Amino acid sequence: MSLDQVGNTVVEERIRNPRLMMVLLVDKKCQSGKMLDLTSILQKKDVNMLRFSLVTNLKAEAKAGEPSEEGR
């Protein structure tokens, strides 16, 4: 889906479910400018999608000699 289609799709889904909450799953390859564009679209008056969560993958590969996530 292109960024141009996001606003209309969100409006249509909010009509079906007024309590809709959006979750944005972002990986490290995502350009920050694209995220700003997306959040700007969500905040437009005609879209008005102010309830959303941003989820990132925080797991990192442990370097040699560092404790694993379980060991911290």
Protein backbone atom coordinates (compact mmCIF):
# COMPACT_ATOMS: atom_id res chain seq x y z
CA MET A 1 0.00 0.00 0.00
CA SER A 2 1.35 3.42 -0.87
CA LEU A 3 1.40 6.33 1.56
CA ASP A 4 -1.24 8.04 -0.58
CA GLN A 5 -3.70 5.21 0.16
CA VAL A 6 -3.08 5.05 3.92
CA GLY A 7 -5.32 7.97 4.90
CA ASN A 8 -8.37 6.68 3.02
CA THR A 9 -7.87 3.13 4.30
CA VAL A 10 -7.60 4.32 7.90
CA VAL A 11 -10.77 6.40 7.56
CA GLU A 12 -12.66 3.41 6.11
CA GLU A 13 -11.48 1.11 8.90
CA ARG A 14 -12.36 3.67 11.59
CA ILE A 15 -15.90 3.86 10.21
CA ARG A 16 -16.15 0.09 10.73
CA ASN A 17 -14.49 0.22 14.16
CA PRO A 18 -14.43 3.64 15.90
CA ARG A 19 -12.17 2.24 18.64
CA LEU A 20 -9.54 1.14 16.13
CA MET A 21 -5.95 1.38 17.31
CA MET A 22 -3.16 1.04 14.77
CA VAL A 23 0.14 -0.72 15.38
CA LEU A 24 3.07 0.28 13.18
CA LEU A 25 5.76 -2.39 12.98
CA VAL A 26 9.06 -0.82 11.95
CA ASP A 27 12.42 -2.44 11.32
CA LYS A 28 15.86 -0.86 11.31
CA LYS A 29 15.81 -0.48 7.52
CA CYS A 30 12.88 1.93 7.65
CA GLN A 31 13.81 5.48 6.76
CA SER A 32 12.89 7.97 9.48
CA GLY A 33 11.53 10.37 6.85
CA LYS A 34 8.98 7.77 5.77
CA MET A 35 7.85 7.34 9.38
CA LEU A 36 7.41 11.11 9.71
CA ASP A 37 5.38 11.14 6.49
CA LEU A 38 3.18 8.32 7.80
CA THR A 39 2.58 9.93 11.19
CA SER A 40 1.78 13.24 9.47
CA ILE A 41 -0.86 11.48 7.36
CA LEU A 42 -2.36 9.84 10.45
CA GLN A 43 -2.62 13.21 12.23
CA LYS A 44 -4.38 15.07 9.39
CA LYS A 45 -7.80 16.43 10.36
CA ASP A 46 -9.64 14.30 7.80
CA VAL A 47 -7.86 11.11 8.99
CA ASN A 48 -7.54 11.96 12.72
CA MET A 49 -5.86 8.68 13.73
CA LEU A 50 -4.19 9.80 16.94
CA ARG A 51 -4.14 6.40 18.66
CA PHE A 52 -1.33 4.26 17.35
CA SER A 53 1.62 2.32 18.71
CA LEU A 54 5.08 2.12 17.21
CA VAL A 55 6.79 -1.26 17.59
CA THR A 56 10.45 -1.86 16.84
CA ASN A 57 12.66 -4.91 17.08
CA LEU A 58 15.04 -4.17 19.94
CA LYS A 59 16.75 -7.54 20.00
CA ALA A 60 20.40 -7.23 19.12
CA GLU A 61 22.92 -9.93 18.49
CA ALA A 62 25.13 -10.35 21.55
CA LYS A 63 28.78 -9.58 20.94
CA ALA A 64 31.39 -12.06 22.11
CA GLY A 65 31.89 -11.74 25.85
CA GLU A 66 28.61 -9.92 26.51
CA PRO A 67 25.88 -11.63 28.52
CA SER A 68 22.80 -12.71 26.60
CA GLU A 69 19.41 -11.04 27.14
CA GLU A 70 18.50 -13.82 29.56
CA GLY A 71 21.65 -13.21 31.59
CA ARG A 72 21.02 -9.51 32.19
